[in-house]
PDB file of all heavy atoms in Angstrom:
ATOM      1  N   LEU A   1    -156.378 -53.405   9.343  1.00  0.00           N
ATOM      2  CA  LEU A   1    -156.675 -54.552   8.493  1.00  0.00           C
ATOM      3  C   LEU A   1    -155.628 -55.646   8.666  1.00  0.00           C
ATOM      4  O   LEU A   1    -155.949 -56.842   8.657  1.00  0.00           O
ATOM      5  CB  LEU A   1    -156.751 -54.124   7.033  1.00  0.00           C
ATOM      6  CG  LEU A   1    -157.908 -53.194   6.667  1.00  0.00           C
ATOM      7  CD1 LEU A   1    -157.859 -52.848   5.185  1.00  0.00           C
ATOM      8  CD2 LEU A   1    -159.249 -53.812   7.003  1.00  0.00           C
ATOM      9  N   ARG A   2    -154.381 -55.248   8.837  1.00  0.00           N
ATOM     10  CA  ARG A   2    -153.325 -56.246   9.058  1.00  0.00           C
ATOM     11  C   ARG A   2    -153.580 -57.020  10.350  1.00  0.00           C
ATOM     12  O   ARG A   2    -153.480 -58.251  10.392  1.00  0.00           O
ATOM     13  CB  ARG A   2    -151.955 -55.567   9.124  1.00  0.00           C
ATOM     14  CG  ARG A   2    -150.784 -56.557   9.165  1.00  0.00           C
ATOM     15  CD  ARG A   2    -149.482 -55.862   9.482  1.00  0.00           C
ATOM     16  NE  ARG A   2    -149.471 -55.361  10.845  1.00  0.00           N
ATOM     17  CZ  ARG A   2    -149.212 -56.122  11.904  1.00  0.00           C
ATOM     18  NH1 ARG A   2    -148.980 -57.417  11.773  1.00  0.00           N
ATOM     19  NH2 ARG A   2    -149.198 -55.598  13.120  1.00  0.00           N
ATOM     20  N   LEU A   3    -153.925 -56.281  11.416  1.00  0.00           N
ATOM     21  CA  LEU A   3    -154.196 -56.938  12.694  1.00  0.00           C
ATOM     22  C   LEU A   3    -155.420 -57.841  12.591  1.00  0.00           C
ATOM     23  O   LEU A   3    -155.464 -58.918  13.203  1.00  0.00           O
ATOM     24  CB  LEU A   3    -154.391 -55.881  13.798  1.00  0.00           C
ATOM     25  CG  LEU A   3    -153.148 -55.074  14.170  1.00  0.00           C
ATOM     26  CD1 LEU A   3    -153.509 -53.963  15.130  1.00  0.00           C
ATOM     27  CD2 LEU A   3    -152.088 -55.985  14.788  1.00  0.00           C
ATOM     28  N   LEU A   4    -156.413 -57.410  11.828  1.00  0.00           N
ATOM     29  CA  LEU A   4    -157.607 -58.229  11.660  1.00  0.00           C
ATOM     30  C   LEU A   4    -157.275 -59.518  10.921  1.00  0.00           C
ATOM     31  O   LEU A   4    -157.769 -60.598  11.272  1.00  0.00           O
ATOM     32  CB  LEU A   4    -158.668 -57.439  10.897  1.00  0.00           C
ATOM     33  CG  LEU A   4    -160.069 -58.056  10.797  1.00  0.00           C
ATOM     34  CD1 LEU A   4    -160.641 -58.338  12.178  1.00  0.00           C
ATOM     35  CD2 LEU A   4    -160.996 -57.115  10.026  1.00  0.00           C
ATOM     36  N   SER A   5    -156.416 -59.415   9.906  1.00  0.00           N
ATOM     37  CA  SER A   5    -156.039 -60.622   9.173  1.00  0.00           C
ATOM     38  C   SER A   5    -155.246 -61.572  10.068  1.00  0.00           C
ATOM     39  O   SER A   5    -155.397 -62.795   9.983  1.00  0.00           O
ATOM     40  CB  SER A   5    -155.223 -60.276   7.927  1.00  0.00           C
ATOM     41  OG  SER A   5    -153.967 -59.738   8.260  1.00  0.00           O
ATOM     42  N   VAL A   6    -154.422 -61.021  10.943  1.00  0.00           N
ATOM     43  CA  VAL A   6    -153.678 -61.851  11.901  1.00  0.00           C
ATOM     44  C   VAL A   6    -154.636 -62.564  12.842  1.00  0.00           C
ATOM     45  O   VAL A   6    -154.483 -63.754  13.132  1.00  0.00           O
ATOM     46  CB  VAL A   6    -152.666 -60.997  12.701  1.00  0.00           C
ATOM     47  CG1 VAL A   6    -152.092 -61.795  13.866  1.00  0.00           C
ATOM     48  CG2 VAL A   6    -151.555 -60.508  11.788  1.00  0.00           C
ATOM     49  N   ALA A   7    -155.654 -61.828  13.292  1.00  0.00           N
ATOM     50  CA  ALA A   7    -156.640 -62.442  14.183  1.00  0.00           C
ATOM     51  C   ALA A   7    -157.331 -63.612  13.503  1.00  0.00           C
ATOM     52  O   ALA A   7    -157.590 -64.657  14.122  1.00  0.00           O
ATOM     53  CB  ALA A   7    -157.673 -61.406  14.612  1.00  0.00           C
ATOM     54  N   GLY A   8    -157.638 -63.455  12.218  1.00  0.00           N
ATOM     55  CA  GLY A   8    -158.298 -64.528  11.493  1.00  0.00           C
ATOM     56  C   GLY A   8    -157.459 -65.778  11.368  1.00  0.00           C
ATOM     57  O   GLY A   8    -157.979 -66.897  11.291  1.00  0.00           O
ATOM     58  N   GLU A   9    -156.139 -65.616  11.356  1.00  0.00           N
ATOM     59  CA  GLU A   9    -155.255 -66.762  11.187  1.00  0.00           C
ATOM     60  C   GLU A   9    -155.289 -67.719  12.374  1.00  0.00           C
ATOM     61  O   GLU A   9    -154.986 -68.904  12.230  1.00  0.00           O
ATOM     62  CB  GLU A   9    -153.817 -66.270  10.967  1.00  0.00           C
ATOM     63  CG  GLU A   9    -153.622 -65.553   9.630  1.00  0.00           C
ATOM     64  CD  GLU A   9    -152.395 -64.669   9.626  1.00  0.00           C
ATOM     65  OE1 GLU A   9    -151.581 -64.782  10.571  1.00  0.00           O
ATOM     66  OE2 GLU A   9    -152.253 -63.863   8.683  1.00  0.00           O
ATOM     67  N   TYR A  10    -155.668 -67.238  13.550  1.00  0.00           N
ATOM     68  CA  TYR A  10    -155.636 -68.085  14.737  1.00  0.00           C
ATOM     69  C   TYR A  10    -156.667 -69.210  14.682  1.00  0.00           C
ATOM     70  O   TYR A  10    -156.541 -70.200  15.378  1.00  0.00           O
ATOM     71  CB  TYR A  10    -155.857 -67.240  15.996  1.00  0.00           C
ATOM     72  CG  TYR A  10    -154.625 -66.473  16.394  1.00  0.00           C
ATOM     73  CD1 TYR A  10    -154.526 -65.106  16.144  1.00  0.00           C
ATOM     74  CD2 TYR A  10    -153.539 -67.101  16.977  1.00  0.00           C
ATOM     75  CE1 TYR A  10    -153.399 -64.389  16.488  1.00  0.00           C
ATOM     76  CE2 TYR A  10    -152.389 -66.394  17.321  1.00  0.00           C
ATOM     77  CZ  TYR A  10    -152.325 -65.044  17.076  1.00  0.00           C
ATOM     78  OH  TYR A  10    -151.195 -64.339  17.405  1.00  0.00           O
ATOM     79  N   ARG A  11    -157.708 -69.056  13.838  1.00  0.00           N
ATOM     80  CA  ARG A  11    -158.726 -70.098  13.766  1.00  0.00           C
ATOM     81  C   ARG A  11    -158.702 -70.831  12.437  1.00  0.00           C
ATOM     82  O   ARG A  11    -159.583 -71.629  12.147  1.00  0.00           O
ATOM     83  CB  ARG A  11    -160.125 -69.504  13.988  1.00  0.00           C
ATOM     84  CG  ARG A  11    -160.320 -68.913  15.354  1.00  0.00           C
ATOM     85  CD  ARG A  11    -161.786 -68.722  15.650  1.00  0.00           C
ATOM     86  NE  ARG A  11    -162.513 -69.981  15.658  1.00  0.00           N
ATOM     87  CZ  ARG A  11    -163.383 -70.360  14.707  1.00  0.00           C
ATOM     88  NH1 ARG A  11    -163.624 -69.591  13.687  1.00  0.00           N
ATOM     89  NH2 ARG A  11    -164.010 -71.514  14.796  1.00  0.00           N
ATOM     90  N   ASP A  12    -157.715 -70.561  11.613  1.00  0.00           N
ATOM     91  CA  ASP A  12    -157.701 -71.139  10.276  1.00  0.00           C
ATOM     92  C   ASP A  12    -156.543 -72.117  10.154  1.00  0.00           C
ATOM     93  O   ASP A  12    -155.452 -71.886  10.682  1.00  0.00           O
ATOM     94  CB  ASP A  12    -157.549 -70.012   9.234  1.00  0.00           C
ATOM     95  CG  ASP A  12    -157.997 -70.447   7.847  1.00  0.00           C
ATOM     96  OD1 ASP A  12    -158.047 -71.663   7.608  1.00  0.00           O
ATOM     97  OD2 ASP A  12    -158.294 -69.566   7.031  1.00  0.00           O
ATOM     98  N   ILE A  13    -156.772 -73.196   9.435  1.00  0.00           N
ATOM     99  CA  ILE A  13    -155.692 -74.165   9.229  1.00  0.00           C
ATOM    100  C   ILE A  13    -154.641 -73.605   8.281  1.00  0.00           C
ATOM    101  O   ILE A  13    -153.525 -74.118   8.208  1.00  0.00           O
ATOM    102  CB  ILE A  13    -156.246 -75.492   8.661  1.00  0.00           C
ATOM    103  CG1 ILE A  13    -156.980 -75.259   7.332  1.00  0.00           C
ATOM    104  CG2 ILE A  13    -157.142 -76.176   9.669  1.00  0.00           C
ATOM    105  CD1 ILE A  13    -157.419 -76.545   6.641  1.00  0.00           C
ATOM    106  N   GLU A  14    -154.991 -72.573   7.536  1.00  0.00           N
ATOM    107  CA  GLU A  14    -154.030 -71.971   6.623  1.00  0.00           C
ATOM    108  C   GLU A  14    -153.124 -71.016   7.401  1.00  0.00           C
ATOM    109  O   GLU A  14    -153.559 -70.356   8.339  1.00  0.00           O
ATOM    110  CB  GLU A  14    -154.765 -71.232   5.507  1.00  0.00           C
ATOM    111  CG  GLU A  14    -155.564 -72.183   4.630  1.00  0.00           C
ATOM    112  CD  GLU A  14    -156.502 -71.468   3.688  1.00  0.00           C
ATOM    113  OE1 GLU A  14    -156.835 -70.307   3.965  1.00  0.00           O
ATOM    114  OE2 GLU A  14    -156.892 -72.086   2.696  1.00  0.00           O
ATOM    115  N   THR A  15    -151.876 -70.932   6.998  1.00  0.00           N
ATOM    116  CA  THR A  15    -150.899 -70.139   7.739  1.00  0.00           C
ATOM    117  C   THR A  15    -150.983 -68.669   7.372  1.00  0.00           C
ATOM    118  O   THR A  15    -151.575 -68.285   6.365  1.00  0.00           O
ATOM    119  CB  THR A  15    -149.472 -70.628   7.421  1.00  0.00           C
ATOM    120  OG1 THR A  15    -149.162 -70.278   6.069  1.00  0.00           O
ATOM    121  CG2 THR A  15    -149.349 -72.129   7.613  1.00  0.00           C
ATOM    122  N   GLY A  16    -150.326 -67.857   8.218  1.00  0.00           N
ATOM    123  CA  GLY A  16    -150.237 -66.438   7.935  1.00  0.00           C
ATOM    124  C   GLY A  16    -149.511 -66.164   6.639  1.00  0.00           C
ATOM    125  O   GLY A  16    -149.784 -65.165   5.968  1.00  0.00           O
ATOM    126  N   LEU A  17    -148.591 -67.062   6.251  1.00  0.00           N
ATOM    127  CA  LEU A  17    -147.895 -66.853   4.989  1.00  0.00           C
ATOM    128  C   LEU A  17    -148.807 -67.093   3.793  1.00  0.00           C
ATOM    129  O   LEU A  17    -148.566 -66.560   2.718  1.00  0.00           O
ATOM    130  CB  LEU A  17    -146.659 -67.756   4.921  1.00  0.00           C
ATOM    131  CG  LEU A  17    -145.517 -67.299   5.828  1.00  0.00           C
ATOM    132  CD1 LEU A  17    -144.373 -68.290   5.795  1.00  0.00           C
ATOM    133  CD2 LEU A  17    -145.015 -65.912   5.419  1.00  0.00           C
ATOM    134  N   HIS A  18    -149.855 -67.894   3.972  1.00  0.00           N
ATOM    135  CA  HIS A  18    -150.855 -68.021   2.903  1.00  0.00           C
ATOM    136  C   HIS A  18    -151.498 -66.656   2.644  1.00  0.00           C
ATOM    137  O   HIS A  18    -151.590 -66.213   1.495  1.00  0.00           O
ATOM    138  CB  HIS A  18    -151.934 -69.033   3.285  1.00  0.00           C
ATOM    139  CG  HIS A  18    -153.192 -68.898   2.473  1.00  0.00           C
ATOM    140  ND1 HIS A  18    -153.276 -69.257   1.148  1.00  0.00           N
ATOM    141  CD2 HIS A  18    -154.432 -68.406   2.810  1.00  0.00           C
ATOM    142  CE1 HIS A  18    -154.504 -69.012   0.700  1.00  0.00           C
ATOM    143  NE2 HIS A  18    -155.219 -68.489   1.673  1.00  0.00           N
ATOM    144  N   THR A  19    -151.947 -65.980   3.700  1.00  0.00           N
ATOM    145  CA  THR A  19    -152.593 -64.682   3.506  1.00  0.00           C
ATOM    146  C   THR A  19    -151.585 -63.659   2.982  1.00  0.00           C
ATOM    147  O   THR A  19    -151.932 -62.807   2.168  1.00  0.00           O
ATOM    148  CB  THR A  19    -153.239 -64.181   4.806  1.00  0.00           C
ATOM    149  OG1 THR A  19    -152.250 -64.073   5.838  1.00  0.00           O
ATOM    150  CG2 THR A  19    -154.328 -65.134   5.270  1.00  0.00           C
ATOM    151  N   ARG A  20    -150.341 -63.751   3.431  1.00  0.00           N
ATOM    152  CA  ARG A  20    -149.309 -62.847   2.921  1.00  0.00           C
ATOM    153  C   ARG A  20    -149.117 -63.061   1.418  1.00  0.00           C
ATOM    154  O   ARG A  20    -149.020 -62.100   0.642  1.00  0.00           O
ATOM    155  CB  ARG A  20    -147.994 -63.101   3.661  1.00  0.00           C
ATOM    156  CG  ARG A  20    -146.779 -62.335   3.115  1.00  0.00           C
ATOM    157  CD  ARG A  20    -146.833 -60.866   3.418  1.00  0.00           C
ATOM    158  NE  ARG A  20    -145.720 -60.144   2.866  1.00  0.00           N
ATOM    159  CZ  ARG A  20    -144.528 -59.999   3.458  1.00  0.00           C
ATOM    160  NH1 ARG A  20    -144.311 -60.571   4.647  1.00  0.00           N
ATOM    161  NH2 ARG A  20    -143.569 -59.301   2.901  1.00  0.00           N
ATOM    162  N   ARG A  21    -149.080 -64.326   1.003  1.00  0.00           N
ATOM    163  CA  ARG A  21    -148.896 -64.615  -0.424  1.00  0.00           C
ATOM    164  C   ARG A  21    -150.068 -64.083  -1.248  1.00  0.00           C
ATOM    165  O   ARG A  21    -149.864 -63.550  -2.342  1.00  0.00           O
ATOM    166  CB  ARG A  21    -148.731 -66.128  -0.644  1.00  0.00           C
ATOM    167  CG  ARG A  21    -147.422 -66.694  -0.124  1.00  0.00           C
ATOM    168  CD  ARG A  21    -147.182 -68.103  -0.641  1.00  0.00           C
ATOM    169  NE  ARG A  21    -148.194 -69.058  -0.198  1.00  0.00           N
ATOM    170  CZ  ARG A  21    -148.110 -69.812   0.886  1.00  0.00           C
ATOM    171  NH1 ARG A  21    -147.041 -69.709   1.688  1.00  0.00           N
ATOM    172  NH2 ARG A  21    -149.060 -70.681   1.180  1.00  0.00           N
ATOM    173  N   ILE A  22    -151.284 -64.236  -0.723  1.00  0.00           N
ATOM    174  CA  ILE A  22    -152.448 -63.733  -1.460  1.00  0.00           C
ATOM    175  C   ILE A  22    -152.306 -62.233  -1.712  1.00  0.00           C
ATOM    176  O   ILE A  22    -152.587 -61.741  -2.810  1.00  0.00           O
ATOM    177  CB  ILE A  22    -153.754 -64.022  -0.690  1.00  0.00           C
ATOM    178  CG1 ILE A  22    -154.001 -65.532  -0.582  1.00  0.00           C
ATOM    179  CG2 ILE A  22    -154.952 -63.347  -1.369  1.00  0.00           C
ATOM    180  CD1 ILE A  22    -154.183 -66.232  -1.906  1.00  0.00           C
ATOM    181  N   GLY A  23    -151.848 -61.502  -0.692  1.00  0.00           N
ATOM    182  CA  GLY A  23    -151.630 -60.066  -0.871  1.00  0.00           C
ATOM    183  C   GLY A  23    -150.570 -59.770  -1.911  1.00  0.00           C
ATOM    184  O   GLY A  23    -150.729 -58.859  -2.745  1.00  0.00           O
ATOM    185  N   GLU A  24    -149.483 -60.548  -1.893  1.00  0.00           N
ATOM    186  CA  GLU A  24    -148.403 -60.337  -2.863  1.00  0.00           C
ATOM    187  C   GLU A  24    -148.875 -60.658  -4.284  1.00  0.00           C
ATOM    188  O   GLU A  24    -148.610 -59.911  -5.228  1.00  0.00           O
ATOM    189  CB  GLU A  24    -147.198 -61.212  -2.499  1.00  0.00           C
ATOM    190  CG  GLU A  24    -146.543 -60.859  -1.172  1.00  0.00           C
ATOM    191  CD  GLU A  24    -145.795 -59.548  -1.215  1.00  0.00           C
ATOM    192  OE1 GLU A  24    -145.309 -59.178  -2.306  1.00  0.00           O
ATOM    193  OE2 GLU A  24    -145.671 -58.904  -0.164  1.00  0.00           O
ATOM    194  N   TYR A  25    -149.565 -61.803  -4.452  1.00  0.00           N
ATOM    195  CA  TYR A  25    -150.096 -62.135  -5.779  1.00  0.00           C
ATOM    196  C   TYR A  25    -151.012 -61.024  -6.288  1.00  0.00           C
ATOM    197  O   TYR A  25    -150.966 -60.638  -7.459  1.00  0.00           O
ATOM    198  CB  TYR A  25    -150.945 -63.411  -5.729  1.00  0.00           C
ATOM    199  CG  TYR A  25    -150.299 -64.689  -5.274  1.00  0.00           C
ATOM    200  CD1 TYR A  25    -151.012 -65.581  -4.457  1.00  0.00           C
ATOM    201  CD2 TYR A  25    -149.012 -65.061  -5.662  1.00  0.00           C
ATOM    202  CE1 TYR A  25    -150.476 -66.786  -4.043  1.00  0.00           C
ATOM    203  CE2 TYR A  25    -148.459 -66.258  -5.245  1.00  0.00           C
ATOM    204  CZ  TYR A  25    -149.189 -67.124  -4.430  1.00  0.00           C
ATOM    205  OH  TYR A  25    -148.659 -68.306  -4.015  1.00  0.00           O
ATOM    206  N   ALA A  26    -151.896 -60.563  -5.395  1.00  0.00           N
ATOM    207  CA  ALA A  26    -152.903 -59.566  -5.801  1.00  0.00           C
ATOM    208  C   ALA A  26    -152.236 -58.265  -6.231  1.00  0.00           C
ATOM    209  O   ALA A  26    -152.636 -57.648  -7.233  1.00  0.00           O
ATOM    210  CB  ALA A  26    -153.885 -59.311  -4.659  1.00  0.00           C
ATOM    211  N   ARG A  27    -151.231 -57.855  -5.484  1.00  0.00           N
ATOM    212  CA  ARG A  27    -150.524 -56.617  -5.837  1.00  0.00           C
ATOM    213  C   ARG A  27    -149.878 -56.736  -7.211  1.00  0.00           C
ATOM    214  O   ARG A  27    -150.028 -55.842  -8.064  1.00  0.00           O
ATOM    215  CB  ARG A  27    -149.462 -56.309  -4.798  1.00  0.00           C
ATOM    216  CG  ARG A  27    -148.601 -55.085  -5.131  1.00  0.00           C
ATOM    217  CD  ARG A  27    -147.516 -54.864  -4.077  1.00  0.00           C
ATOM    218  NE  ARG A  27    -146.698 -53.718  -4.423  1.00  0.00           N
ATOM    219  CZ  ARG A  27    -145.649 -53.758  -5.263  1.00  0.00           C
ATOM    220  NH1 ARG A  27    -145.317 -54.899  -5.846  1.00  0.00           N
ATOM    221  NH2 ARG A  27    -144.959 -52.664  -5.525  1.00  0.00           N
ATOM    222  N   GLU A  28    -149.163 -57.846  -7.445  1.00  0.00           N
ATOM    223  CA  GLU A  28    -148.482 -58.013  -8.727  1.00  0.00           C
ATOM    224  C   GLU A  28    -149.482 -58.114  -9.881  1.00  0.00           C
ATOM    225  O   GLU A  28    -149.249 -57.582 -10.974  1.00  0.00           O
ATOM    226  CB  GLU A  28    -147.592 -59.265  -8.684  1.00  0.00           C
ATOM    227  CG  GLU A  28    -146.416 -59.147  -7.728  1.00  0.00           C
ATOM    228  CD  GLU A  28    -145.499 -57.994  -8.071  1.00  0.00           C
ATOM    229  OE1 GLU A  28    -145.210 -57.802  -9.273  1.00  0.00           O
ATOM    230  OE2 GLU A  28    -145.072 -57.266  -7.156  1.00  0.00           O
ATOM    231  N   THR A  29    -150.597 -58.787  -9.644  1.00  0.00           N
ATOM    232  CA  THR A  29    -151.619 -58.902 -10.694  1.00  0.00           C
ATOM    233  C   THR A  29    -152.221 -57.541 -11.015  1.00  0.00           C
ATOM    234  O   THR A  29    -152.444 -57.195 -12.178  1.00  0.00           O
ATOM    235  CB  THR A  29    -152.722 -59.880 -10.261  1.00  0.00           C
ATOM    236  OG1 THR A  29    -152.137 -61.153  -9.955  1.00  0.00           O
ATOM    237  CG2 THR A  29    -153.756 -60.059 -11.365  1.00  0.00           C
ATOM    238  N   ALA A  30    -152.492 -56.750  -9.968  1.00  0.00           N
ATOM    239  CA  ALA A  30    -153.044 -55.409 -10.178  1.00  0.00           C
ATOM    240  C   ALA A  30    -152.084 -54.549 -11.001  1.00  0.00           C
ATOM    241  O   ALA A  30    -152.503 -53.823 -11.918  1.00  0.00           O
ATOM    242  CB  ALA A  30    -153.334 -54.750  -8.832  1.00  0.00           C
ATOM    243  N   LEU A  31    -150.802 -54.644 -10.715  1.00  0.00           N
ATOM    244  CA  LEU A  31    -149.815 -53.882 -11.485  1.00  0.00           C
ATOM    245  C   LEU A  31    -149.783 -54.348 -12.937  1.00  0.00           C
ATOM    246  O   LEU A  31    -149.676 -53.536 -13.868  1.00  0.00           O
ATOM    247  CB  LEU A  31    -148.430 -54.020 -10.846  1.00  0.00           C
ATOM    248  CG  LEU A  31    -148.242 -53.313  -9.500  1.00  0.00           C
ATOM    249  CD1 LEU A  31    -146.892 -53.688  -8.890  1.00  0.00           C
ATOM    250  CD2 LEU A  31    -148.346 -51.798  -9.650  1.00  0.00           C
ATOM    251  N   LEU A  32    -149.886 -55.651 -13.144  1.00  0.00           N
ATOM    252  CA  LEU A  32    -149.918 -56.176 -14.515  1.00  0.00           C
ATOM    253  C   LEU A  32    -151.153 -55.687 -15.269  1.00  0.00           C
ATOM    254  O   LEU A  32    -151.120 -55.509 -16.488  1.00  0.00           O
ATOM    255  CB  LEU A  32    -149.899 -57.707 -14.490  1.00  0.00           C
ATOM    256  CG  LEU A  32    -148.582 -58.361 -14.059  1.00  0.00           C
ATOM    257  CD1 LEU A  32    -148.776 -59.855 -13.825  1.00  0.00           C
ATOM    258  CD2 LEU A  32    -147.492 -58.130 -15.101  1.00  0.00           C
ATOM    259  N   LEU A  33    -152.241 -55.450 -14.530  1.00  0.00           N
ATOM    260  CA  LEU A  33    -153.468 -54.929 -15.134  1.00  0.00           C
ATOM    261  C   LEU A  33    -153.390 -53.437 -15.425  1.00  0.00           C
ATOM    262  O   LEU A  33    -154.298 -52.874 -16.040  1.00  0.00           O
ATOM    263  CB  LEU A  33    -154.661 -55.198 -14.217  1.00  0.00           C
ATOM    264  CG  LEU A  33    -155.245 -56.604 -14.247  1.00  0.00           C
ATOM    265  CD1 LEU A  33    -156.222 -56.793 -13.091  1.00  0.00           C
ATOM    266  CD2 LEU A  33    -155.959 -56.871 -15.573  1.00  0.00           C
ATOM    267  N   GLY A  34    -152.313 -52.791 -14.952  1.00  0.00           N
ATOM    268  CA  GLY A  34    -152.146 -51.367 -15.196  1.00  0.00           C
ATOM    269  C   GLY A  34    -152.579 -50.472 -14.052  1.00  0.00           C
ATOM    270  O   GLY A  34    -152.669 -49.255 -14.214  1.00  0.00           O
ATOM    271  N   TRP A  35    -152.857 -51.071 -12.885  1.00  0.00           N
ATOM    272  CA  TRP A  35    -153.206 -50.247 -11.726  1.00  0.00           C
ATOM    273  C   TRP A  35    -152.009 -49.409 -11.323  1.00  0.00           C
ATOM    274  O   TRP A  35    -150.855 -49.816 -11.504  1.00  0.00           O
ATOM    275  CB  TRP A  35    -153.621 -51.124 -10.545  1.00  0.00           C
ATOM    276  CG  TRP A  35    -154.956 -51.776 -10.656  1.00  0.00           C
ATOM    277  CD1 TRP A  35    -155.600 -52.160 -11.800  1.00  0.00           C
ATOM    278  CD2 TRP A  35    -155.818 -52.159  -9.574  1.00  0.00           C
ATOM    279  NE1 TRP A  35    -156.797 -52.745 -11.501  1.00  0.00           N
ATOM    280  CE2 TRP A  35    -156.960 -52.760 -10.143  1.00  0.00           C
ATOM    281  CE3 TRP A  35    -155.731 -52.052  -8.195  1.00  0.00           C
ATOM    282  CZ2 TRP A  35    -158.001 -53.252  -9.371  1.00  0.00           C
ATOM    283  CZ3 TRP A  35    -156.769 -52.546  -7.413  1.00  0.00           C
ATOM    284  CH2 TRP A  35    -157.888 -53.125  -7.997  1.00  0.00           C
ATOM    285  N   ASP A  36    -152.288 -48.243 -10.737  1.00  0.00           N
ATOM    286  CA  ASP A  36    -151.198 -47.442 -10.195  1.00  0.00           C
ATOM    287  C   ASP A  36    -150.692 -48.083  -8.903  1.00  0.00           C
ATOM    288  O   ASP A  36    -151.344 -48.937  -8.293  1.00  0.00           O
ATOM    289  CB  ASP A  36    -151.644 -45.993  -9.941  1.00  0.00           C
ATOM    290  CG  ASP A  36    -152.788 -45.918  -8.945  1.00  0.00           C
ATOM    291  OD1 ASP A  36    -152.545 -46.092  -7.734  1.00  0.00           O
ATOM    292  OD2 ASP A  36    -153.937 -45.700  -9.379  1.00  0.00           O
ATOM    293  N   LYS A  37    -149.508 -47.659  -8.487  1.00  0.00           N
ATOM    294  CA  LYS A  37    -148.838 -48.270  -7.340  1.00  0.00           C
ATOM    295  C   LYS A  37    -149.663 -48.141  -6.065  1.00  0.00           C
ATOM    296  O   LYS A  37    -149.728 -49.073  -5.245  1.00  0.00           O
ATOM    297  CB  LYS A  37    -147.471 -47.618  -7.143  1.00  0.00           C
ATOM    298  CG  LYS A  37    -146.660 -48.215  -6.007  1.00  0.00           C
ATOM    299  CD  LYS A  37    -145.300 -47.535  -5.894  1.00  0.00           C
ATOM    300  CE  LYS A  37    -144.514 -48.088  -4.717  1.00  0.00           C
ATOM    301  NZ  LYS A  37    -143.206 -47.389  -4.566  1.00  0.00           N
ATOM    302  N   VAL A  38    -150.321 -46.981  -5.876  1.00  0.00           N
ATOM    303  CA  VAL A  38    -151.081 -46.749  -4.642  1.00  0.00           C
ATOM    304  C   VAL A  38    -152.214 -47.757  -4.506  1.00  0.00           C
ATOM    305  O   VAL A  38    -152.385 -48.390  -3.456  1.00  0.00           O
ATOM    306  CB  VAL A  38    -151.631 -45.307  -4.604  1.00  0.00           C
ATOM    307  CG1 VAL A  38    -152.597 -45.134  -3.433  1.00  0.00           C
ATOM    308  CG2 VAL A  38    -150.485 -44.310  -4.488  1.00  0.00           C
ATOM    309  N   ASN A  39    -152.998 -47.933  -5.560  1.00  0.00           N
ATOM    310  CA  ASN A  39    -154.124 -48.862  -5.476  1.00  0.00           C
ATOM    311  C   ASN A  39    -153.664 -50.318  -5.457  1.00  0.00           C
ATOM    312  O   ASN A  39    -154.316 -51.168  -4.851  1.00  0.00           O
ATOM    313  CB  ASN A  39    -155.106 -48.616  -6.613  1.00  0.00           C
ATOM    314  CG  ASN A  39    -156.033 -47.449  -6.315  1.00  0.00           C
ATOM    315  OD1 ASN A  39    -156.722 -47.438  -5.303  1.00  0.00           O
ATOM    316  ND2 ASN A  39    -156.043 -46.457  -7.185  1.00  0.00           N
ATOM    317  N   ALA A  40    -152.538 -50.606  -6.115  1.00  0.00           N
ATOM    318  CA  ALA A  40    -151.991 -51.961  -6.035  1.00  0.00           C
ATOM    319  C   ALA A  40    -151.584 -52.297  -4.601  1.00  0.00           C
ATOM    320  O   ALA A  40    -151.786 -53.421  -4.127  1.00  0.00           O
ATOM    321  CB  ALA A  40    -150.789 -52.092  -6.972  1.00  0.00           C
ATOM    322  N   GLU A  41    -151.038 -51.318  -3.898  1.00  0.00           N
ATOM    323  CA  GLU A  41    -150.663 -51.549  -2.502  1.00  0.00           C
ATOM    324  C   GLU A  41    -151.899 -51.652  -1.612  1.00  0.00           C
ATOM    325  O   GLU A  41    -151.894 -52.367  -0.609  1.00  0.00           O
ATOM    326  CB  GLU A  41    -149.740 -50.430  -2.022  1.00  0.00           C
ATOM    327  CG  GLU A  41    -148.356 -50.502  -2.665  1.00  0.00           C
ATOM    328  CD  GLU A  41    -147.441 -49.372  -2.246  1.00  0.00           C
ATOM    329  OE1 GLU A  41    -147.924 -48.421  -1.573  1.00  0.00           O
ATOM    330  OE2 GLU A  41    -146.245 -49.434  -2.582  1.00  0.00           O
ATOM    331  N   ARG A  42    -152.965 -50.962  -1.992  1.00  0.00           N
ATOM    332  CA  ARG A  42    -154.207 -51.081  -1.219  1.00  0.00           C
ATOM    333  C   ARG A  42    -154.795 -52.480  -1.331  1.00  0.00           C
ATOM    334  O   ARG A  42    -155.239 -53.057  -0.327  1.00  0.00           O
ATOM    335  CB  ARG A  42    -155.213 -50.032  -1.700  1.00  0.00           C
ATOM    336  CG  ARG A  42    -154.895 -48.619  -1.254  1.00  0.00           C
ATOM    337  CD  ARG A  42    -155.746 -47.598  -1.969  1.00  0.00           C
ATOM    338  NE  ARG A  42    -155.528 -46.250  -1.446  1.00  0.00           N
ATOM    339  CZ  ARG A  42    -155.832 -45.139  -2.087  1.00  0.00           C
ATOM    340  NH1 ARG A  42    -156.385 -45.206  -3.299  1.00  0.00           N
ATOM    341  NH2 ARG A  42    -155.600 -43.962  -1.554  1.00  0.00           N
TER     342      ARG A  42
END
């Protein structure tokens, strides 16, 4: 999935750090919702 997301970045005006940030936001939000660490990392 990481490699696939990298592949997608080559055709997008948004940077790889945009997709990285989305993952970080999502993980922190999931933890705030009470998700366990494993699913938050997923």
